[in-house]
Amino acid sequence: AVLVNVGRGQVVDEDALYEALSSGQLLGAGVDCWYKYPTSVASRQCTPVSDRLDFASLPNLVLSPHRAGAVGLPRTEQARMHCLAKLCNAAVEGGVWTMPNRVDMAKGY
């Protein structure tokens, strides 16, 4: 199973999500809303997901900058959905390691 949360971080139990991703109970998760938002865009000192758990170390977690609700031009939205479908298919077919555009946490993007 893959979990996608585009609503609010607190809708999903933080500890349960971390455990399910760490243990492999969940194939992966896409999180567009976080438990703790960065206090400063320029600061790399804060953990943008959790105060307590190292979500950034999980290779099967995709983070996005809380943009799921943004409305764009119809062609932009269609292109966005096409890219999302490619990511989901790549995760299902080859696992999270084959997903394109993975975030490099060491580089911060």
PDB file of N, CA and C in Angstrom:
ATOM      1  N   ALA A   1       0.840  -1.180   0.000  1.00  0.00           N
ATOM      2  CA  ALA A   1       0.000   0.000   0.000  1.00  0.00           C
ATOM      3  C   ALA A   1       0.885   1.243   0.000  1.00  0.00           C
ATOM      4  N   VAL A   2       0.339   2.300  -0.545  1.00  0.00           N
ATOM      5  CA  VAL A   2       0.992   3.605  -0.556  1.00  0.00           C
ATOM      6  C   VAL A   2       0.019   4.607   0.059  1.00  0.00           C
ATOM      7  N   LEU A   3       0.502   5.416   0.977  1.00  0.00           N
ATOM      8  CA  LEU A   3      -0.318   6.438   1.620  1.00  0.00           C
ATOM      9  C   LEU A   3       0.008   7.798   1.016  1.00  0.00           C
ATOM     10  N   VAL A   4      -1.024   8.558   0.703  1.00  0.00           N
ATOM     11  CA  VAL A   4      -0.844   9.928   0.234  1.00  0.00           C
ATOM     12  C   VAL A   4      -1.657  10.831   1.148  1.00  0.00           C
ATOM     13  N   ASN A   5      -0.999  11.800   1.776  1.00  0.00           N
ATOM     14  CA  ASN A   5      -1.685  12.745   2.644  1.00  0.00           C
ATOM     15  C   ASN A   5      -1.467  14.152   2.112  1.00  0.00           C
ATOM     16  N   VAL A   6      -2.555  14.760   1.630  1.00  0.00           N
ATOM     17  CA  VAL A   6      -2.485  16.126   1.122  1.00  0.00           C
ATOM     18  C   VAL A   6      -3.324  17.073   1.973  1.00  0.00           C
ATOM     19  N   GLY A   7      -3.833  16.578   3.105  1.00  0.00           N
ATOM     20  CA  GLY A   7      -4.710  17.381   3.957  1.00  0.00           C
ATOM     21  C   GLY A   7      -3.971  18.086   5.072  1.00  0.00           C
ATOM     22  N   ARG A   8      -3.797  17.409   6.167  1.00  0.00           N
ATOM     23  CA  ARG A   8      -3.116  17.940   7.352  1.00  0.00           C
ATOM     24  C   ARG A   8      -2.240  16.833   7.927  1.00  0.00           C
ATOM     25  N   GLY A   9      -1.076  17.199   8.416  1.00  0.00           N
ATOM     26  CA  GLY A   9      -0.167  16.209   8.975  1.00  0.00           C
ATOM     27  C   GLY A   9      -0.787  15.401  10.091  1.00  0.00           C
ATOM     28  N   GLN A  10      -1.542  16.056  10.940  1.00  0.00           N
ATOM     29  CA  GLN A  10      -2.093  15.398  12.122  1.00  0.00           C
ATOM     30  C   GLN A  10      -3.198  14.391  11.802  1.00  0.00           C
ATOM     31  N   VAL A  11      -3.650  14.318  10.557  1.00  0.00           N
ATOM     32  CA  VAL A  11      -4.669  13.343  10.166  1.00  0.00           C
ATOM     33  C   VAL A  11      -4.100  11.926  10.265  1.00  0.00           C
ATOM     34  N   VAL A  12      -2.792  11.791  10.060  1.00  0.00           N
ATOM     35  CA  VAL A  12      -2.127  10.496  10.109  1.00  0.00           C
ATOM     36  C   VAL A  12      -1.262  10.444  11.360  1.00  0.00           C
ATOM     37  N   ASP A  13      -1.364   9.367  12.107  1.00  0.00           N
ATOM     38  CA  ASP A  13      -0.558   9.192  13.312  1.00  0.00           C
ATOM     39  C   ASP A  13       0.923   9.155  12.928  1.00  0.00           C
ATOM     40  N   GLU A  14       1.685  10.111  13.433  1.00  0.00           N
ATOM     41  CA  GLU A  14       3.094  10.283  13.077  1.00  0.00           C
ATOM     42  C   GLU A  14       3.925   9.044  13.407  1.00  0.00           C
ATOM     43  N   ASP A  15       3.773   8.499  14.599  1.00  0.00           N
ATOM     44  CA  ASP A  15       4.547   7.326  15.004  1.00  0.00           C
ATOM     45  C   ASP A  15       4.185   6.109  14.159  1.00  0.00           C
ATOM     46  N   ALA A  16       2.895   5.922  13.907  1.00  0.00           N
ATOM     47  CA  ALA A  16       2.439   4.768  13.120  1.00  0.00           C
ATOM     48  C   ALA A  16       2.956   4.858  11.681  1.00  0.00           C
ATOM     49  N   LEU A  17       2.943   6.048  11.104  1.00  0.00           N
ATOM     50  CA  LEU A  17       3.445   6.218   9.742  1.00  0.00           C
ATOM     51  C   LEU A  17       4.933   5.902   9.679  1.00  0.00           C
ATOM     52  N   TYR A  18       5.697   6.432  10.612  1.00  0.00           N
ATOM     53  CA  TYR A  18       7.142   6.180  10.626  1.00  0.00           C
ATOM     54  C   TYR A  18       7.428   4.685  10.763  1.00  0.00           C
ATOM     55  N   GLU A  19       6.735   4.025  11.669  1.00  0.00           N
ATOM     56  CA  GLU A  19       6.937   2.592  11.885  1.00  0.00           C
ATOM     57  C   GLU A  19       6.565   1.786  10.644  1.00  0.00           C
ATOM     58  N   ALA A  20       5.432   2.122  10.028  1.00  0.00           N
ATOM     59  CA  ALA A  20       4.978   1.390   8.841  1.00  0.00           C
ATOM     60  C   ALA A  20       5.949   1.565   7.679  1.00  0.00           C
ATOM     61  N   LEU A  21       6.507   2.767   7.514  1.00  0.00           N
ATOM     62  CA  LEU A  21       7.484   2.997   6.449  1.00  0.00           C
ATOM     63  C   LEU A  21       8.813   2.315   6.773  1.00  0.00           C
ATOM     64  N   SER A  22       9.254   2.398   8.014  1.00  0.00           N
ATOM     65  CA  SER A  22      10.528   1.791   8.424  1.00  0.00           C
ATOM     66  C   SER A  22      10.507   0.285   8.299  1.00  0.00           C
ATOM     67  N   SER A  23       9.391  -0.324   8.656  1.00  0.00           N
ATOM     68  CA  SER A  23       9.287  -1.784   8.650  1.00  0.00           C
ATOM     69  C   SER A  23       8.955  -2.357   7.281  1.00  0.00           C
ATOM     70  N   GLY A  24       8.540  -1.510   6.357  1.00  0.00           N
ATOM     71  CA  GLY A  24       8.134  -1.998   5.045  1.00  0.00           C
ATOM     72  C   GLY A  24       6.669  -2.395   4.972  1.00  0.00           C
ATOM     73  N   GLN A  25       5.941  -2.183   6.056  1.00  0.00           N
ATOM     74  CA  GLN A  25       4.505  -2.473   6.036  1.00  0.00           C
ATOM     75  C   GLN A  25       3.815  -1.630   4.963  1.00  0.00           C
ATOM     76  N   LEU A  26       4.280  -0.401   4.777  1.00  0.00           N
ATOM     77  CA  LEU A  26       3.837   0.449   3.670  1.00  0.00           C
ATOM     78  C   LEU A  26       4.945   0.480   2.631  1.00  0.00           C
ATOM     79  N   LEU A  27       4.589   0.330   1.350  1.00  0.00           N
ATOM     80  CA  LEU A  27       5.577   0.450   0.279  1.00  0.00           C
ATOM     81  C   LEU A  27       6.159   1.853   0.261  1.00  0.00           C
ATOM     82  N   GLY A  28       5.291   2.835   0.468  1.00  0.00           N
ATOM     83  CA  GLY A  28       5.755   4.207   0.459  1.00  0.00           C
ATOM     84  C   GLY A  28       4.664   5.159   0.876  1.00  0.00           C
ATOM     85  N   ALA A  29       5.044   6.422   0.958  1.00  0.00           N
ATOM     86  CA  ALA A  29       4.081   7.463   1.308  1.00  0.00           C
ATOM     87  C   ALA A  29       4.461   8.747   0.593  1.00  0.00           C
ATOM     88  N   GLY A  30       3.444   9.504   0.238  1.00  0.00           N
ATOM     89  CA  GLY A  30       3.606  10.836  -0.304  1.00  0.00           C
ATOM     90  C   GLY A  30       2.977  11.810   0.669  1.00  0.00           C
ATOM     91  N   VAL A  31       3.764  12.739   1.164  1.00  0.00           N
ATOM     92  CA  VAL A  31       3.284  13.659   2.189  1.00  0.00           C
ATOM     93  C   VAL A  31       3.423  15.092   1.679  1.00  0.00           C
ATOM     94  N   ASP A  32       2.288  15.752   1.532  1.00  0.00           N
ATOM     95  CA  ASP A  32       2.259  17.133   1.066  1.00  0.00           C
ATOM     96  C   ASP A  32       2.028  18.093   2.234  1.00  0.00           C
ATOM     97  N   CYS A  33       1.811  17.567   3.404  1.00  0.00           N
ATOM     98  CA  CYS A  33       1.569  18.389   4.593  1.00  0.00           C
ATOM     99  C   CYS A  33       2.364  17.765   5.731  1.00  0.00           C
ATOM    100  N   TRP A  34       2.952  18.588   6.542  1.00  0.00           N
ATOM    101  CA  TRP A  34       3.909  18.111   7.510  1.00  0.00           C
ATOM    102  C   TRP A  34       3.413  18.291   8.937  1.00  0.00           C
ATOM    103  N   TYR A  35       4.073  17.590   9.854  1.00  0.00           N
ATOM    104  CA  TYR A  35       3.766  17.727  11.276  1.00  0.00           C
ATOM    105  C   TYR A  35       4.385  19.003  11.830  1.00  0.00           C
ATOM    106  N   LYS A  36       5.524  19.377  11.301  1.00  0.00           N
ATOM    107  CA  LYS A  36       6.242  20.574  11.759  1.00  0.00           C
ATOM    108  C   LYS A  36       6.771  21.282  10.527  1.00  0.00           C
ATOM    109  N   TYR A  37       6.355  22.507  10.322  1.00  0.00           N
ATOM    110  CA  TYR A  37       6.824  23.270   9.181  1.00  0.00           C
ATOM    111  C   TYR A  37       8.133  23.973   9.512  1.00  0.00           C
ATOM    112  N   PRO A  38       9.023  24.130   8.527  1.00  0.00           N
ATOM    113  CA  PRO A  38      10.283  24.845   8.786  1.00  0.00           C
ATOM    114  C   PRO A  38      10.009  26.253   9.304  1.00  0.00           C
ATOM    115  N   THR A  39      10.830  26.678  10.237  1.00  0.00           N
ATOM    116  CA  THR A  39      10.669  28.027  10.781  1.00  0.00           C
ATOM    117  C   THR A  39      11.262  29.068   9.849  1.00  0.00           C
ATOM    118  N   SER A  40      12.179  28.638   8.996  1.00  0.00           N
ATOM    119  CA  SER A  40      12.804  29.561   8.057  1.00  0.00           C
ATOM    120  C   SER A  40      13.188  28.794   6.808  1.00  0.00           C
ATOM    121  N   VAL A  41      12.863  29.364   5.660  1.00  0.00           N
ATOM    122  CA  VAL A  41      13.240  28.719   4.403  1.00  0.00           C
ATOM    123  C   VAL A  41      14.749  28.627   4.290  1.00  0.00           C
ATOM    124  N   ALA A  42      15.447  29.642   4.758  1.00  0.00           N
ATOM    125  CA  ALA A  42      16.904  29.675   4.651  1.00  0.00           C
ATOM    126  C   ALA A  42      17.573  28.734   5.659  1.00  0.00           C
ATOM    127  N   SER A  43      16.876  28.392   6.713  1.00  0.00           N
ATOM    128  CA  SER A  43      17.470  27.564   7.760  1.00  0.00           C
ATOM    129  C   SER A  43      17.411  26.089   7.387  1.00  0.00           C
ATOM    130  N   ARG A  44      18.537  25.430   7.459  1.00  0.00           N
ATOM    131  CA  ARG A  44      18.573  23.991   7.232  1.00  0.00           C
ATOM    132  C   ARG A  44      18.724  23.269   8.581  1.00  0.00           C
ATOM    133  N   GLN A  45      18.569  23.995   9.661  1.00  0.00           N
ATOM    134  CA  GLN A  45      18.728  23.428  10.983  1.00  0.00           C
ATOM    135  C   GLN A  45      17.474  22.720  11.473  1.00  0.00           C
ATOM    136  N   CYS A  46      16.317  23.045  10.902  1.00  0.00           N
ATOM    137  CA  CYS A  46      15.079  22.440  11.368  1.00  0.00           C
ATOM    138  C   CYS A  46      14.739  21.212  10.534  1.00  0.00           C
ATOM    139  N   THR A  47      14.045  20.282  11.134  1.00  0.00           N
ATOM    140  CA  THR A  47      13.562  19.106  10.435  1.00  0.00           C
ATOM    141  C   THR A  47      12.155  19.412   9.963  1.00  0.00           C
ATOM    142  N   PRO A  48      11.916  19.427   8.652  1.00  0.00           N
ATOM    143  CA  PRO A  48      10.632  19.894   8.153  1.00  0.00           C
ATOM    144  C   PRO A  48       9.493  18.896   8.241  1.00  0.00           C
ATOM    145  N   VAL A  49       9.671  17.792   8.908  1.00  0.00           N
ATOM    146  CA  VAL A  49       8.597  16.820   8.981  1.00  0.00           C
ATOM    147  C   VAL A  49       8.200  16.546  10.419  1.00  0.00           C
ATOM    148  N   SER A  50       9.134  16.304  11.281  1.00  0.00           N
ATOM    149  CA  SER A  50       8.837  15.878  12.638  1.00  0.00           C
ATOM    150  C   SER A  50       9.878  16.433  13.604  1.00  0.00           C
ATOM    151  N   ASP A  51       9.449  16.676  14.826  1.00  0.00           N
ATOM    152  CA  ASP A  51      10.386  17.076  15.875  1.00  0.00           C
ATOM    153  C   ASP A  51      11.142  15.880  16.437  1.00  0.00           C
ATOM    154  N   ARG A  52      10.549  14.688  16.293  1.00  0.00           N
ATOM    155  CA  ARG A  52      11.068  13.522  17.000  1.00  0.00           C
ATOM    156  C   ARG A  52      11.602  12.412  16.108  1.00  0.00           C
ATOM    157  N   LEU A  53      11.073  12.264  14.905  1.00  0.00           N
ATOM    158  CA  LEU A  53      11.388  11.108  14.076  1.00  0.00           C
ATOM    159  C   LEU A  53      12.136  11.528  12.815  1.00  0.00           C
ATOM    160  N   ASP A  54      13.066  10.699  12.380  1.00  0.00           N
ATOM    161  CA  ASP A  54      13.920  11.027  11.239  1.00  0.00           C
ATOM    162  C   ASP A  54      13.290  10.557   9.924  1.00  0.00           C
ATOM    163  N   PHE A  55      12.200  11.208   9.534  1.00  0.00           N
ATOM    164  CA  PHE A  55      11.521  10.865   8.287  1.00  0.00           C
ATOM    165  C   PHE A  55      12.445  11.064   7.086  1.00  0.00           C
ATOM    166  N   ALA A  56      13.352  12.031   7.148  1.00  0.00           N
ATOM    167  CA  ALA A  56      14.230  12.326   6.021  1.00  0.00           C
ATOM    168  C   ALA A  56      15.137  11.152   5.666  1.00  0.00           C
ATOM    169  N   SER A  57      15.357  10.241   6.587  1.00  0.00           N
ATOM    170  CA  SER A  57      16.225   9.090   6.314  1.00  0.00           C
ATOM    171  C   SER A  57      15.486   7.966   5.589  1.00  0.00           C
ATOM    172  N   LEU A  58      14.179   8.078   5.463  1.00  0.00           N
ATOM    173  CA  LEU A  58      13.396   7.007   4.844  1.00  0.00           C
ATOM    174  C   LEU A  58      13.416   7.130   3.320  1.00  0.00           C
ATOM    175  N   PRO A  59      13.883   6.092   2.634  1.00  0.00           N
ATOM    176  CA  PRO A  59      13.944   6.161   1.167  1.00  0.00           C
ATOM    177  C   PRO A  59      12.585   5.989   0.495  1.00  0.00           C
ATOM    178  N   ASN A  60      11.578   5.578   1.243  1.00  0.00           N
ATOM    179  CA  ASN A  60      10.257   5.319   0.667  1.00  0.00           C
ATOM    180  C   ASN A  60       9.249   6.411   1.006  1.00  0.00           C
ATOM    181  N   LEU A  61       9.745   7.616   1.262  1.00  0.00           N
ATOM    182  CA  LEU A  61       8.891   8.757   1.560  1.00  0.00           C
ATOM    183  C   LEU A  61       9.147   9.869   0.553  1.00  0.00           C
ATOM    184  N   VAL A  62       8.083  10.372  -0.042  1.00  0.00           N
ATOM    185  CA  VAL A  62       8.169  11.490  -0.967  1.00  0.00           C
ATOM    186  C   VAL A  62       7.538  12.696  -0.281  1.00  0.00           C
ATOM    187  N   LEU A  63       8.274  13.798  -0.206  1.00  0.00           N
ATOM    188  CA  LEU A  63       7.787  15.022   0.414  1.00  0.00           C
ATOM    189  C   LEU A  63       7.538  16.065  -0.662  1.00  0.00           C
ATOM    190  N   SER A  64       6.479  16.809  -0.501  1.00  0.00           N
ATOM    191  CA  SER A  64       6.243  17.936  -1.404  1.00  0.00           C
ATOM    192  C   SER A  64       5.925  19.160  -0.555  1.00  0.00           C
ATOM    193  N   PRO A  65       6.106  20.347  -1.116  1.00  0.00           N
ATOM    194  CA  PRO A  65       6.010  21.583  -0.319  1.00  0.00           C
ATOM    195  C   PRO A  65       4.591  22.117  -0.165  1.00  0.00           C
ATOM    196  N   HIS A  66       3.667  21.281   0.241  1.00  0.00           N
ATOM    197  CA  HIS A  66       2.279  21.661   0.519  1.00  0.00           C
ATOM    198  C   HIS A  66       1.675  22.456  -0.643  1.00  0.00           C
ATOM    199  N   ARG A  67       1.739  21.869  -1.831  1.00  0.00           N
ATOM    200  CA  ARG A  67       1.231  22.520  -3.027  1.00  0.00           C
ATOM    201  C   ARG A  67       0.098  21.727  -3.683  1.00  0.00           C
ATOM    202  N   ALA A  68      -0.367  20.661  -3.064  1.00  0.00           N
ATOM    203  CA  ALA A  68      -1.386  19.821  -3.687  1.00  0.00           C
ATOM    204  C   ALA A  68      -2.672  20.590  -3.965  1.00  0.00           C
ATOM    205  N   GLY A  69      -2.977  21.584  -3.170  1.00  0.00           N
ATOM    206  CA  GLY A  69      -4.218  22.328  -3.359  1.00  0.00           C
ATOM    207  C   GLY A  69      -4.114  23.489  -4.324  1.00  0.00           C
ATOM    208  N   ALA A  70      -2.911  23.769  -4.797  1.00  0.00           N
ATOM    209  CA  ALA A  70      -2.738  24.912  -5.700  1.00  0.00           C
ATOM    210  C   ALA A  70      -3.416  24.626  -7.043  1.00  0.00           C
ATOM    211  N   VAL A  71      -4.116  25.599  -7.537  1.00  0.00           N
ATOM    212  CA  VAL A  71      -4.807  25.455  -8.809  1.00  0.00           C
ATOM    213  C   VAL A  71      -3.997  26.174  -9.879  1.00  0.00           C
ATOM    214  N   GLY A  72      -3.722  25.469 -10.952  1.00  0.00           N
ATOM    215  CA  GLY A  72      -2.982  26.058 -12.057  1.00  0.00           C
ATOM    216  C   GLY A  72      -3.824  26.047 -13.313  1.00  0.00           C
ATOM    217  N   LEU A  73      -3.219  26.350 -14.404  1.00  0.00           N
ATOM    218  CA  LEU A  73      -3.892  26.273 -15.689  1.00  0.00           C
ATOM    219  C   LEU A  73      -4.260  24.822 -15.970  1.00  0.00           C
ATOM    220  N   PRO A  74      -5.311  24.575 -16.731  1.00  0.00           N
ATOM    221  CA  PRO A  74      -5.699  23.187 -17.012  1.00  0.00           C
ATOM    222  C   PRO A  74      -4.556  22.337 -17.571  1.00  0.00           C
ATOM    223  N   ARG A  75      -3.734  22.890 -18.456  1.00  0.00           N
ATOM    224  CA  ARG A  75      -2.614  22.118 -19.005  1.00  0.00           C
ATOM    225  C   ARG A  75      -1.570  21.837 -17.930  1.00  0.00           C
ATOM    226  N   THR A  76      -1.359  22.783 -17.045  1.00  0.00           N
ATOM    227  CA  THR A  76      -0.404  22.582 -15.959  1.00  0.00           C
ATOM    228  C   THR A  76      -0.882  21.469 -15.044  1.00  0.00           C
ATOM    229  N   GLU A  77      -2.149  21.500 -14.709  1.00  0.00           N
ATOM    230  CA  GLU A  77      -2.722  20.467 -13.841  1.00  0.00           C
ATOM    231  C   GLU A  77      -2.645  19.099 -14.514  1.00  0.00           C
ATOM    232  N   GLN A  78      -2.912  19.039 -15.805  1.00  0.00           N
ATOM    233  CA  GLN A  78      -2.837  17.781 -16.540  1.00  0.00           C
ATOM    234  C   GLN A  78      -1.392  17.254 -16.540  1.00  0.00           C
ATOM    235  N   ALA A  79      -0.434  18.124 -16.753  1.00  0.00           N
ATOM    236  CA  ALA A  79       0.978  17.726 -16.735  1.00  0.00           C
ATOM    237  C   ALA A  79       1.388  17.248 -15.345  1.00  0.00           C
ATOM    238  N   ARG A  80       0.903  17.927 -14.315  1.00  0.00           N
ATOM    239  CA  ARG A  80       1.208  17.537 -12.932  1.00  0.00           C
ATOM    240  C   ARG A  80       0.672  16.139 -12.635  1.00  0.00           C
ATOM    241  N   MET A  81      -0.546  15.862 -13.063  1.00  0.00           N
ATOM    242  CA  MET A  81      -1.144  14.543 -12.833  1.00  0.00           C
ATOM    243  C   MET A  81      -0.414  13.460 -13.624  1.00  0.00           C
ATOM    244  N   HIS A  82       0.048  13.791 -14.820  1.00  0.00           N
ATOM    245  CA  HIS A  82       0.823  12.847 -15.624  1.00  0.00           C
ATOM    246  C   HIS A  82       2.117  12.472 -14.889  1.00  0.00           C
ATOM    247  N   CYS A  83       2.814  13.478 -14.356  1.00  0.00           N
ATOM    248  CA  CYS A  83       4.052  13.225 -13.610  1.00  0.00           C
ATOM    249  C   CYS A  83       3.793  12.423 -12.346  1.00  0.00           C
ATOM    250  N   LEU A  84       2.712  12.735 -11.654  1.00  0.00           N
ATOM    251  CA  LEU A  84       2.359  11.984 -10.446  1.00  0.00           C
ATOM    252  C   LEU A  84       2.071  10.526 -10.778  1.00  0.00           C
ATOM    253  N   ALA A  85       1.366  10.295 -11.878  1.00  0.00           N
ATOM    254  CA  ALA A  85       1.079   8.922 -12.305  1.00  0.00           C
ATOM    255  C   ALA A  85       2.376   8.176 -12.619  1.00  0.00           C
ATOM    256  N   LYS A  86       3.337   8.851 -13.258  1.00  0.00           N
ATOM    257  CA  LYS A  86       4.627   8.218 -13.557  1.00  0.00           C
ATOM    258  C   LYS A  86       5.351   7.827 -12.269  1.00  0.00           C
ATOM    259  N   LEU A  87       5.313   8.708 -11.258  1.00  0.00           N
ATOM    260  CA  LEU A  87       5.955   8.405  -9.983  1.00  0.00           C
ATOM    261  C   LEU A  87       5.299   7.199  -9.313  1.00  0.00           C
ATOM    262  N   CYS A  88       3.981   7.189  -9.281  1.00  0.00           N
ATOM    263  CA  CYS A  88       3.258   6.080  -8.648  1.00  0.00           C
ATOM    264  C   CYS A  88       3.533   4.767  -9.377  1.00  0.00           C
ATOM    265  N   ASN A  89       3.510   4.800 -10.697  1.00  0.00           N
ATOM    266  CA  ASN A  89       3.787   3.589 -11.477  1.00  0.00           C
ATOM    267  C   ASN A  89       5.208   3.102 -11.251  1.00  0.00           C
ATOM    268  N   ALA A  90       6.164   4.012 -11.193  1.00  0.00           N
ATOM    269  CA  ALA A  90       7.555   3.626 -10.949  1.00  0.00           C
ATOM    270  C   ALA A  90       7.697   2.973  -9.583  1.00  0.00           C
ATOM    271  N   ALA A  91       7.004   3.496  -8.581  1.00  0.00           N
ATOM    272  CA  ALA A  91       7.072   2.924  -7.232  1.00  0.00           C
ATOM    273  C   ALA A  91       6.493   1.521  -7.212  1.00  0.00           C
ATOM    274  N   VAL A  92       5.383   1.326  -7.898  1.00  0.00           N
ATOM    275  CA  VAL A  92       4.732   0.016  -7.910  1.00  0.00           C
ATOM    276  C   VAL A  92       5.531  -0.988  -8.732  1.00  0.00           C
ATOM    277  N   GLU A  93       6.035  -0.563  -9.869  1.00  0.00           N
ATOM    278  CA  GLU A  93       6.720  -1.480 -10.782  1.00  0.00           C
ATOM    279  C   GLU A  93       8.142  -1.821 -10.352  1.00  0.00           C
ATOM    280  N   GLY A  94       8.865  -0.841  -9.841  1.00  0.00           N
ATOM    281  CA  GLY A  94      10.265  -1.098  -9.536  1.00  0.00           C
ATOM    282  C   GLY A  94      10.676  -0.748  -8.128  1.00  0.00           C
ATOM    283  N   GLY A  95       9.764  -0.331  -7.305  1.00  0.00           N
ATOM    284  CA  GLY A  95      10.106   0.073  -5.951  1.00  0.00           C
ATOM    285  C   GLY A  95      10.553   1.513  -5.902  1.00  0.00           C
ATOM    286  N   VAL A  96      10.705   2.026  -4.705  1.00  0.00           N
ATOM    287  CA  VAL A  96      11.014   3.450  -4.529  1.00  0.00           C
ATOM    288  C   VAL A  96      12.389   3.829  -5.057  1.00  0.00           C
ATOM    289  N   TRP A  97      13.284   2.861  -5.209  1.00  0.00           N
ATOM    290  CA  TRP A  97      14.644   3.181  -5.654  1.00  0.00           C
ATOM    291  C   TRP A  97      14.677   3.635  -7.104  1.00  0.00           C
ATOM    292  N   THR A  98      13.671   3.258  -7.892  1.00  0.00           N
ATOM    293  CA  THR A  98      13.668   3.611  -9.312  1.00  0.00           C
ATOM    294  C   THR A  98      12.865   4.880  -9.589  1.00  0.00           C
ATOM    295  N   MET A  99      12.345   5.499  -8.567  1.00  0.00           N
ATOM    296  CA  MET A  99      11.519   6.683  -8.774  1.00  0.00           C
ATOM    297  C   MET A  99      12.368   7.854  -9.265  1.00  0.00           C
ATOM    298  N   PRO A 100      11.898   8.549 -10.304  1.00  0.00           N
ATOM    299  CA  PRO A 100      12.641   9.715 -10.803  1.00  0.00           C
ATOM    300  C   PRO A 100      12.516  10.908  -9.845  1.00  0.00           C
ATOM    301  N   ASN A 101      13.443  11.830  -9.949  1.00  0.00           N
ATOM    302  CA  ASN A 101      13.395  13.103  -9.208  1.00  0.00           C
ATOM    303  C   ASN A 101      13.394  12.924  -7.695  1.00  0.00           C
ATOM    304  N   ARG A 102      14.144  11.948  -7.204  1.00  0.00           N
ATOM    305  CA  ARG A 102      14.218  11.746  -5.753  1.00  0.00           C
ATOM    306  C   ARG A 102      14.908  12.934  -5.098  1.00  0.00           C
ATOM    307  N   VAL A 103      14.474  13.276  -3.906  1.00  0.00           N
ATOM    308  CA  VAL A 103      15.074  14.371  -3.151  1.00  0.00           C
ATOM    309  C   VAL A 103      16.424  13.911  -2.575  1.00  0.00           C
ATOM    310  N   ASP A 104      17.426  14.738  -2.733  1.00  0.00           N
ATOM    311  CA  ASP A 104      18.729  14.484  -2.135  1.00  0.00           C
ATOM    312  C   ASP A 104      18.768  15.296  -0.834  1.00  0.00           C
ATOM    313  N   MET A 105      18.537  14.638   0.288  1.00  0.00           N
ATOM    314  CA  MET A 105      18.439  15.340   1.570  1.00  0.00           C
ATOM    315  C   MET A 105      19.751  16.029   1.939  1.00  0.00           C
ATOM    316  N   ALA A 106      20.885  15.490   1.495  1.00  0.00           N
ATOM    317  CA  ALA A 106      22.170  16.125   1.794  1.00  0.00           C
ATOM    318  C   ALA A 106      22.274  17.488   1.095  1.00  0.00           C
ATOM    319  N   LYS A 107      21.689  17.578  -0.108  1.00  0.00           N
ATOM    320  CA  LYS A 107      21.705  18.842  -0.840  1.00  0.00           C
ATOM    321  C   LYS A 107      20.557  19.752  -0.435  1.00  0.00           C
ATOM    322  N   GLY A 108      19.527  19.185   0.189  1.00  0.00           N
ATOM    323  CA  GLY A 108      18.412  19.981   0.649  1.00  0.00           C
ATOM    324  C   GLY A 108      17.335  20.205  -0.397  1.00  0.00           C
ATOM    325  N   TYR A 109      17.382  19.439  -1.486  1.00  0.00           N
ATOM    326  CA  TYR A 109      16.333  19.554  -2.503  1.00  0.00           C
ATOM    327  C   TYR A 109      16.180  18.252  -3.245  1.00  0.00           C
TER     328      TYR A 109
END
